[in-house]
């Protein structure tokens, strides 16, 4: 039997950000263990704090959870440990770069640019570490533009700007990282040193700027779990361009978009990501599909859990398969198939 490690956080929660069938923001770890046992694996569950990095983890599959804690301090600690495990040769699922991209739109956009350069170029995406870098930048592409904080879920902090002035005002507030004391000290240094002073930025919260694709009434959430694809359509908030977090979703509405074309695109994206699990936010402008965001771990599972069916490719065509989703069983099957591929 092959060993597989399952890492939980300090609350003993694992993976899901949404309330699952069990009423908690976690998968049922005991059921996950049983599913892996039934598949002939030897699961070992432990908390991050109990992980022994001196042990021989070379080639050992490791499933782990992330965190969305305020300020991401706990997630930062998790990143330290997962990167250390990868350095010892552990087979972390997914790889560290996707953990780094969780709750980090700057890293996610960097990966999107590397993996899907042509699509990324259509949105003219920029990332900035300070407000001053945006202020000095020459932006190409169309207006309006979207500005996004690096962290945040459900479109929190995301705004649109019709022109450069609106963009700079939004970025100034979004990127603020200072305090009153720090601002006072910096102001004093600028007065005393004048020309000899190289100002320090008080706006160091990283952020992303990209073109806004107009005219879309919503987007699609596609969840891939192994060979299963689950879809739903999300309408924008009333009077707003944002669909994420709107709560207005439909499992049967396709908004006039060809379902097979959507699934083809989702398959292309998730195959390129090369992970067994992926949550994709996809838009369609009437001609092209656009990958807005993706996550490969610790995403909400409502798209699967509330669906009455999934899609799977069989002999080259998409089949709609009726099923009430058992999220732990589906999760484990996706991992088992990935390990055996």
Protein backbone atom coordinates (compact mmCIF):
# COMPACT_ATOMS: atom_id res chain seq x y z
CA UNK A 1 0.00 0.00 0.00
CA UNK A 2 1.18 3.51 -0.85
CA UNK A 3 1.32 6.13 1.86
CA UNK A 4 -0.46 9.46 1.44
CA UNK A 5 -0.30 12.33 3.95
CA UNK A 6 -3.32 14.55 4.67
CA UNK A 7 -2.48 17.83 6.42
CA UNK A 8 -5.15 19.71 8.38
CA UNK A 9 -4.98 23.12 10.01
CA UNK A 10 -5.15 24.00 13.70
CA UNK A 11 -8.96 23.63 13.64
CA UNK A 12 -8.69 20.18 12.05
CA UNK A 13 -10.36 21.52 8.91
CA UNK A 14 -9.42 20.36 5.43
CA UNK A 15 -9.73 21.94 2.02
CA UNK A 16 -13.15 23.53 1.46
CA UNK A 17 -13.84 27.25 1.94
CA UNK A 18 -17.60 26.82 1.67
CA UNK A 19 -20.08 25.19 4.01
CA UNK A 20 -20.26 21.60 2.83
CA UNK A 21 -23.05 19.04 3.17
CA UNK A 22 -21.95 18.56 6.77
CA UNK A 23 -22.56 22.21 7.67
CA UNK A 24 -18.86 22.98 8.26
CA UNK A 25 -16.22 24.74 6.17
CA UNK A 26 -14.31 21.50 5.78
CA UNK A 27 -14.51 18.13 4.16
CA UNK A 28 -15.22 15.19 6.43
CA UNK A 29 -11.68 13.96 7.04
CA UNK A 30 -12.85 10.58 8.37
CA UNK A 31 -14.76 9.95 5.13
CA UNK A 32 -11.74 11.04 3.09
CA UNK A 33 -9.64 8.51 5.00
CA UNK A 34 -12.13 5.73 4.37
CA UNK A 35 -12.25 6.51 0.66
CA UNK A 36 -8.48 6.33 0.38
CA UNK A 37 -8.44 3.10 2.41
CA UNK A 38 -10.98 1.59 0.00
CA UNK A 39 -8.72 2.61 -2.90
CA UNK A 40 -5.78 0.74 -1.40
CA UNK A 41 -3.89 3.75 -0.09
CA UNK A 42 -2.52 4.24 3.42
CA UNK A 43 -3.63 7.72 4.54
CA UNK A 44 -1.95 9.44 7.47
CA UNK A 45 -3.71 12.50 8.89
CA UNK A 46 -1.78 15.11 10.86
CA UNK A 47 -1.80 18.81 11.66
CA UNK A 48 0.79 21.09 10.14
CA UNK A 49 2.32 21.62 13.58
CA UNK A 50 2.97 17.87 13.88
CA UNK A 51 4.79 17.60 10.56
CA UNK A 52 8.33 16.22 10.82
CA UNK A 53 10.42 17.75 8.05
CA UNK A 54 13.38 15.54 8.95
CA UNK A 55 11.41 12.44 7.90
CA UNK A 56 11.92 10.86 4.48
CA UNK A 57 9.11 12.39 2.40
CA UNK A 58 10.69 11.78 -1.00
CA UNK A 59 7.95 10.81 -3.46
CA UNK A 60 5.23 10.75 -0.77
CA UNK A 61 1.96 12.35 -1.96
CA UNK A 62 0.89 15.15 0.37
CA UNK A 63 -2.58 16.68 0.35
CA UNK A 64 -2.88 19.91 2.25
CA UNK A 65 -5.22 22.76 3.00
CA UNK A 66 -4.70 26.51 2.77
CA UNK A 67 -6.10 29.37 4.82
CA UNK A 68 -7.95 32.64 4.23
CA UNK A 69 -7.16 34.20 7.61
CA UNK A 70 -7.18 37.98 7.87
CA UNK A 71 -3.75 39.28 6.94
CA UNK A 72 -2.79 35.80 5.69
CA UNK A 73 -0.33 35.28 8.56
CA UNK A 74 -1.31 31.63 9.04
CA UNK A 75 -1.24 31.03 5.29
CA UNK A 76 2.30 32.43 5.23
CA UNK A 77 3.34 29.78 7.75
CA UNK A 78 1.65 27.06 5.68
CA UNK A 79 3.58 28.27 2.63
CA UNK A 80 6.86 27.90 4.53
CA UNK A 81 6.10 24.28 5.35
CA UNK A 82 4.77 23.28 1.92
CA UNK A 83 7.79 24.79 0.17
CA UNK A 84 10.07 22.96 2.62
CA UNK A 85 8.26 19.68 1.87
CA UNK A 86 8.72 20.19 -1.86
CA UNK A 87 12.42 20.82 -1.25
CA UNK A 88 12.70 17.40 0.43
CA UNK A 89 11.10 15.71 -2.59
CA UNK A 90 7.55 15.32 -1.32
CA UNK A 91 4.87 15.17 -4.00
CA UNK A 92 2.70 18.06 -2.86
CA UNK A 93 -0.75 18.17 -4.48
CA UNK A 94 -1.00 20.76 -5.89
CA UNK A 95 2.52 22.12 -6.22
CA UNK A 96 3.63 25.07 -4.13
CA UNK A 97 3.14 27.64 -6.89
CA UNK A 98 -0.61 27.05 -6.80
CA UNK A 99 -0.66 27.47 -3.03
CA UNK A 100 1.18 30.75 -3.52
CA UNK A 101 -1.50 31.77 -6.05
CA UNK A 102 -4.33 31.07 -3.60
CA UNK A 103 -5.65 34.37 -2.27
CA UNK A 104 -2.87 36.09 -4.25
CA UNK A 105 -4.05 37.58 -7.53
CA UNK A 106 -0.57 38.86 -8.35
CA UNK A 107 0.86 35.34 -8.35
CA UNK A 108 -2.21 33.97 -10.08
CA UNK A 109 -1.84 36.52 -12.87
CA UNK A 110 1.86 35.71 -13.15
CA UNK A 111 1.01 32.03 -13.64
CA UNK A 112 -1.78 32.89 -16.05
CA UNK A 113 0.64 34.95 -18.12
CA UNK A 114 3.14 32.08 -18.20
CA UNK A 115 0.63 29.32 -18.94
CA UNK A 116 -1.79 31.24 -21.18
CA UNK A 117 0.22 34.11 -22.69
CA UNK A 118 -2.08 34.86 -25.63
CA UNK A 119 -5.16 35.06 -23.44
CA UNK A 120 -3.40 37.12 -20.80
CA UNK A 121 -2.27 39.58 -23.46
CA UNK A 122 -5.87 40.25 -24.48
CA UNK A 123 -6.62 41.64 -21.00
CA UNK A 124 -3.45 43.79 -20.80
CA UNK A 125 -2.76 42.80 -17.23
CA UNK A 126 -0.30 44.66 -15.00
CA UNK A 127 0.76 44.06 -11.42
CA UNK A 128 2.22 46.69 -9.12
CA UNK A 129 3.87 46.62 -5.74
CA UNK A 130 3.33 50.30 -4.99
CA UNK A 131 1.02 53.11 -6.03
CA UNK A 132 4.01 55.06 -7.32
CA UNK A 133 4.82 52.32 -9.85
CA UNK A 134 1.33 52.62 -11.31
CA UNK A 135 1.62 56.42 -11.32
CA UNK A 136 4.77 56.18 -13.47
CA UNK A 137 3.44 53.47 -15.81
CA UNK A 138 2.19 53.89 -19.35
CA UNK A 139 -0.85 51.64 -19.62
CA UNK A 140 -2.01 50.21 -22.91
CA UNK A 141 -5.36 48.66 -23.71
CA UNK A 142 -8.88 49.95 -23.48
CA UNK A 143 -10.90 51.69 -20.79
CA UNK A 144 -12.58 51.03 -18.44
CA UNK A 145 -10.08 49.02 -16.42
CA UNK A 146 -10.43 46.80 -13.39
CA UNK A 147 -8.26 47.11 -10.30
CA UNK A 148 -7.98 44.18 -7.90
CA UNK A 149 -6.26 43.82 -4.54
CA UNK A 150 -3.91 40.85 -4.34
CA UNK A 151 -5.98 39.15 -1.63
CA UNK A 152 -9.71 38.92 -1.12
CA UNK A 153 -12.58 36.66 -2.12
CA UNK A 154 -15.98 37.24 -3.68
CA UNK A 155 -14.85 40.38 -5.57
CA UNK A 156 -14.01 42.16 -2.32
CA UNK A 157 -12.10 45.36 -3.08
CA UNK A 158 -12.41 44.94 -6.86
CA UNK A 159 -13.34 48.19 -8.63
CA UNK A 160 -13.60 49.62 -12.12
CA UNK A 161 -12.14 52.87 -13.43
CA UNK A 162 -13.36 54.76 -16.49
CA UNK A 163 -10.16 56.75 -16.90
CA UNK A 164 -6.66 57.21 -15.50
CA UNK A 165 -7.76 59.66 -12.82
CA UNK A 166 -10.33 57.22 -11.40
CA UNK A 167 -7.78 54.42 -11.54
CA UNK A 168 -5.18 56.40 -9.60
CA UNK A 169 -7.71 57.39 -6.93
CA UNK A 170 -8.83 53.79 -6.50
CA UNK A 171 -5.24 52.53 -6.41
CA UNK A 172 -4.18 55.10 -3.84
CA UNK A 173 -6.73 53.83 -1.35
CA UNK A 174 -6.36 50.16 -2.24
CA UNK A 175 -2.58 50.16 -1.88
CA UNK A 176 -2.32 52.12 1.40
CA UNK A 177 0.07 50.28 3.72
CA UNK A 178 1.23 52.98 6.10
CA UNK A 179 0.19 54.23 9.51
CA UNK A 180 -0.19 57.75 10.89
CA UNK A 181 3.17 57.44 12.65
CA UNK A 182 4.93 56.18 9.54
CA UNK A 183 3.33 58.89 7.41
CA UNK A 184 4.40 61.60 9.88
CA UNK A 185 7.99 60.34 9.96
CA UNK A 186 8.17 60.14 6.19
CA UNK A 187 6.77 63.65 5.84
CA UNK A 188 9.40 64.91 8.29
CA UNK A 189 12.22 63.22 6.38
CA UNK A 190 11.03 64.81 3.14
CA UNK A 191 11.06 68.28 4.75
CA UNK A 192 14.48 67.87 6.35
CA UNK A 193 16.34 66.14 3.57
CA UNK A 194 14.54 67.56 0.56
CA UNK A 195 16.61 66.79 -2.55
CA UNK A 196 18.78 64.21 -0.80
CA UNK A 197 15.79 62.14 0.26
CA UNK A 198 14.54 59.12 -1.68
CA UNK A 199 10.91 58.87 -0.55
CA UNK A 200 9.56 55.62 0.82
CA UNK A 201 6.18 54.57 -0.45
CA UNK A 202 3.27 54.52 1.98
CA UNK A 203 1.25 52.53 -0.55
CA UNK A 204 2.85 49.08 -0.73
CA UNK A 205 -0.18 46.79 -0.87
CA UNK A 206 0.27 44.95 -4.17
CA UNK A 207 -2.53 45.01 -6.75
CA UNK A 208 -3.47 44.10 -10.31
CA UNK A 209 -4.84 46.24 -13.14
CA UNK A 210 -6.39 44.85 -16.31
CA UNK A 211 -8.89 45.68 -19.04
CA UNK A 212 -12.57 45.30 -18.28
CA UNK A 213 -14.44 43.30 -20.87
CA UNK A 214 -17.72 45.20 -21.33
CA UNK A 215 -21.16 43.86 -22.01
CA UNK A 216 -21.09 40.62 -20.05
CA UNK A 217 -24.06 39.97 -17.75
CA UNK A 218 -22.24 37.25 -15.80
CA UNK A 219 -19.63 34.52 -15.91
CA UNK A 220 -19.29 30.78 -15.47
CA UNK A 221 -17.88 28.86 -12.56
CA UNK A 222 -16.48 25.53 -13.69
CA UNK A 223 -15.22 23.03 -11.15
CA UNK A 224 -13.03 20.19 -12.37
CA UNK A 225 -12.59 17.26 -10.02
CA UNK A 226 -10.71 14.55 -11.87
CA UNK A 227 -12.75 13.54 -14.91
CA UNK A 228 -15.89 15.31 -13.62
CA UNK A 229 -16.80 18.85 -14.65
CA UNK A 230 -19.45 20.85 -12.80
CA UNK A 231 -20.76 24.16 -14.14
CA UNK A 232 -22.97 27.03 -13.07
CA UNK A 233 -23.73 30.48 -14.45
CA UNK A 234 -23.40 33.52 -12.18
CA UNK A 235 -25.18 36.76 -12.95
CA UNK A 236 -23.56 40.06 -12.15
CA UNK A 237 -24.62 42.02 -9.11
CA UNK A 238 -27.39 44.52 -9.92
CA UNK A 239 -25.82 47.62 -11.49
CA UNK A 240 -22.35 46.11 -11.14
CA UNK A 241 -19.84 44.35 -13.40
CA UNK A 242 -18.91 41.72 -10.79
CA UNK A 243 -20.40 38.21 -10.74
CA UNK A 244 -18.19 36.60 -8.10
CA UNK A 245 -19.91 36.71 -4.73
CA UNK A 246 -23.24 37.85 -6.18
CA UNK A 247 -25.08 34.72 -4.98
CA UNK A 248 -27.20 34.84 -8.16
CA UNK A 249 -26.30 31.58 -9.86
CA UNK A 250 -28.05 28.96 -11.94
CA UNK A 251 -27.00 25.39 -12.69
CA UNK A 252 -29.05 25.14 -15.90
CA UNK A 253 -28.77 28.58 -17.49
CA UNK A 254 -26.03 28.68 -20.14
CA UNK A 255 -26.63 32.36 -21.08
CA UNK A 256 -26.80 31.31 -24.70
CA UNK A 257 -23.26 29.92 -24.64
CA UNK A 258 -22.60 26.54 -26.24
CA UNK A 259 -22.11 24.13 -23.34
CA UNK A 260 -19.69 21.88 -25.18
CA UNK A 261 -17.55 24.86 -26.20
CA UNK A 262 -17.44 25.99 -22.56
CA UNK A 263 -16.42 22.50 -21.43
CA UNK A 264 -13.79 22.27 -24.18
CA UNK A 265 -12.29 25.52 -22.95
CA UNK A 266 -12.42 24.45 -19.29
CA UNK A 267 -10.72 21.18 -20.20
CA UNK A 268 -7.99 23.01 -22.10
CA UNK A 269 -7.33 25.32 -19.14
CA UNK A 270 -7.37 22.61 -16.47
CA UNK A 271 -5.21 20.28 -18.55
CA UNK A 272 -2.68 23.10 -18.87
CA UNK A 273 -2.75 23.60 -15.11
CA UNK A 274 -2.06 19.85 -14.79
CA UNK A 275 -3.69 19.49 -11.38
CA UNK A 276 -6.46 17.03 -10.45
CA UNK A 277 -8.66 19.81 -9.06
CA UNK A 278 -9.38 23.27 -10.40
CA UNK A 279 -11.94 26.03 -9.91
CA UNK A 280 -12.24 28.30 -12.94
CA UNK A 281 -13.97 31.66 -13.44
CA UNK A 282 -14.68 31.95 -17.17
CA UNK A 283 -16.28 34.74 -19.18
CA UNK A 284 -17.56 34.81 -22.75
CA UNK A 285 -17.67 38.06 -24.75
CA UNK A 286 -19.71 36.67 -27.65
CA UNK A 287 -16.62 35.55 -29.54
CA UNK A 288 -13.93 34.37 -27.15
CA UNK A 289 -13.72 32.75 -23.74
CA UNK A 290 -11.67 34.48 -21.06
CA UNK A 291 -10.09 32.93 -17.99
CA UNK A 292 -10.59 35.52 -15.27
CA UNK A 293 -9.34 33.60 -12.26
CA UNK A 294 -8.44 30.08 -11.17
CA UNK A 295 -7.67 28.22 -7.97
CA UNK A 296 -6.30 24.71 -7.56
CA UNK A 297 -6.97 24.17 -3.85
CA UNK A 298 -9.11 25.38 -0.97
CA UNK A 299 -11.94 26.59 -3.19
CA UNK A 300 -15.67 26.51 -2.52
CA UNK A 301 -17.34 23.27 -3.57
CA UNK A 302 -20.96 24.44 -3.87
CA UNK A 303 -20.76 24.15 -7.68
CA UNK A 304 -20.35 20.39 -7.27
CA UNK A 305 -22.36 19.78 -4.11
CA UNK A 306 -25.55 21.49 -5.26
CA UNK A 307 -25.42 20.13 -8.78
CA UNK A 308 -27.65 17.26 -9.89
CA UNK A 309 -25.21 16.18 -12.60
CA UNK A 310 -21.70 16.48 -13.94
CA UNK A 311 -20.12 16.36 -17.38
CA UNK A 312 -17.45 13.92 -18.51
CA UNK A 313 -15.79 13.31 -21.83
CA UNK A 314 -16.50 9.85 -23.23
CA UNK A 315 -15.21 8.66 -26.60
CA UNK A 316 -14.55 12.23 -27.66
CA UNK A 317 -17.93 13.70 -26.73
CA UNK A 318 -19.32 15.32 -23.60
CA UNK A 319 -21.82 13.29 -21.61
CA UNK A 320 -24.18 14.70 -18.99
CA UNK A 321 -24.22 12.25 -16.08
CA UNK A 322 -26.96 12.54 -13.41
CA UNK A 323 -25.52 12.26 -9.90
CA UNK A 324 -25.90 13.71 -6.41
CA UNK A 325 -22.37 14.67 -5.53
CA UNK A 326 -20.63 12.94 -2.61
CA UNK A 327 -17.92 15.55 -2.30
CA UNK A 328 -15.44 13.46 -0.30
CA UNK A 329 -15.80 10.46 -2.62
CA UNK A 330 -15.43 12.64 -5.74
CA UNK A 331 -12.42 14.44 -4.25
CA UNK A 332 -10.66 11.17 -3.41
CA UNK A 333 -11.44 9.60 -6.78
CA UNK A 334 -9.87 12.60 -8.51
CA UNK A 335 -6.70 12.23 -6.41
CA UNK A 336 -6.50 8.45 -6.88
CA UNK A 337 -6.89 8.74 -10.66
CA UNK A 338 -4.22 11.46 -10.70
CA UNK A 339 -1.76 9.33 -8.74
CA UNK A 340 -2.35 6.31 -10.95
CA UNK A 341 -2.15 8.17 -14.28
